Amino acid sequence: MVADRYGAYKTVAEATPILLAFCWAQVRRDFIDLAASRPHQQDQGLKWLQDISHLHQLNDLRLQVLDQPPDTLSR
């Protein structure tokens, strides 16, 4: 289940076989905070922000072809 950090979701995940994943917007904010607050880890935080941005770009491409019939995708 993709969710924000609302505590009730943790309770549900602990009581069930559901795997909890935080949404990318929240994870992204963590890396912004890391880059801003820890100069010695700034490069690492910025690299993760680049990687997350790339994932968003790939998802945009995926969404563009999601509804296309399979035989038109290879053209």
Protein backbone atom coordinates (compact mmCIF):
# COMPACT_ATOMS: atom_id res chain seq x y z
CA MET A 1 0.00 0.00 0.00
CA VAL A 2 1.42 3.38 -0.98
CA ALA A 3 0.55 5.96 1.64
CA ASP A 4 1.70 9.04 3.47
CA ARG A 5 3.08 8.76 6.98
CA TYR A 6 -0.28 8.82 8.75
CA GLY A 7 0.18 6.52 11.75
CA ALA A 8 -2.97 4.48 11.12
CA TYR A 9 -1.42 3.05 7.96
CA LYS A 10 1.49 1.67 10.00
CA THR A 11 -0.99 -0.05 12.31
CA VAL A 12 -2.80 -1.63 9.35
CA ALA A 13 0.49 -2.80 7.82
CA GLU A 14 1.65 -4.32 11.10
CA ALA A 15 -1.63 -6.22 11.56
CA THR A 16 -1.91 -7.53 8.00
CA PRO A 17 0.33 -8.91 5.25
CA ILE A 18 0.19 -5.50 3.52
CA LEU A 19 3.55 -4.00 2.58
CA LEU A 20 3.64 -0.29 3.33
CA ALA A 21 5.48 2.11 1.01
CA PHE A 22 5.65 5.85 1.51
CA CYS A 23 4.63 8.01 -1.43
CA TRP A 24 7.41 9.47 -3.57
CA ALA A 25 6.47 13.04 -2.65
CA GLN A 26 7.22 12.35 1.01
CA VAL A 27 10.41 10.43 0.26
CA ARG A 28 11.52 13.26 -2.02
CA ARG A 29 11.02 15.77 0.80
CA ASP A 30 13.29 13.65 3.00
CA PHE A 31 16.11 13.98 0.48
CA ILE A 32 15.52 17.72 0.10
CA ASP A 33 15.84 18.01 3.89
CA LEU A 34 18.96 15.81 3.85
CA ALA A 35 20.64 17.94 1.18
CA ALA A 36 19.76 21.16 3.00
CA SER A 37 20.60 20.14 6.55
CA ARG A 38 23.66 17.92 6.18
CA PRO A 39 26.32 19.46 3.95
CA HIS A 40 28.48 16.32 4.04
CA GLN A 41 25.57 14.34 2.54
CA GLN A 42 24.32 17.01 0.14
CA ASP A 43 25.64 15.24 -2.96
CA GLN A 44 23.93 12.02 -1.97
CA GLY A 45 20.63 13.81 -1.32
CA LEU A 46 20.80 15.63 -4.65
CA LYS A 47 21.61 12.37 -6.49
CA TRP A 48 18.50 10.76 -5.03
CA LEU A 49 16.44 13.77 -6.11
CA GLN A 50 17.76 13.30 -9.67
CA ASP A 51 16.90 9.60 -9.56
CA ILE A 52 13.37 10.30 -8.32
CA SER A 53 12.92 12.90 -11.07
CA HIS A 54 14.02 10.32 -13.63
CA LEU A 55 11.46 7.84 -12.28
CA HIS A 56 8.75 10.48 -12.70
CA GLN A 57 9.85 11.03 -16.31
CA LEU A 58 9.74 7.30 -17.02
CA ASN A 59 6.31 7.06 -15.47
CA ASP A 60 5.10 9.92 -17.69
CA LEU A 61 6.30 7.97 -20.73
CA ARG A 62 4.58 4.83 -19.43
CA LEU A 63 1.31 6.70 -19.01
CA GLN A 64 1.51 8.02 -22.58
CA VAL A 65 1.37 4.50 -23.99
CA LEU A 66 -0.74 2.82 -21.32
CA ASP A 67 -3.97 2.84 -23.33
CA GLN A 68 -2.42 2.07 -26.70
CA PRO A 69 -2.99 -1.37 -28.19
CA PRO A 70 0.18 -3.53 -27.96
CA ASP A 71 0.57 -3.81 -31.74
CA THR A 72 1.04 -0.02 -32.11
CA LEU A 73 3.81 0.27 -29.52
CA SER A 74 6.59 -1.20 -31.67
CA ARG A 75 6.01 1.17 -34.57
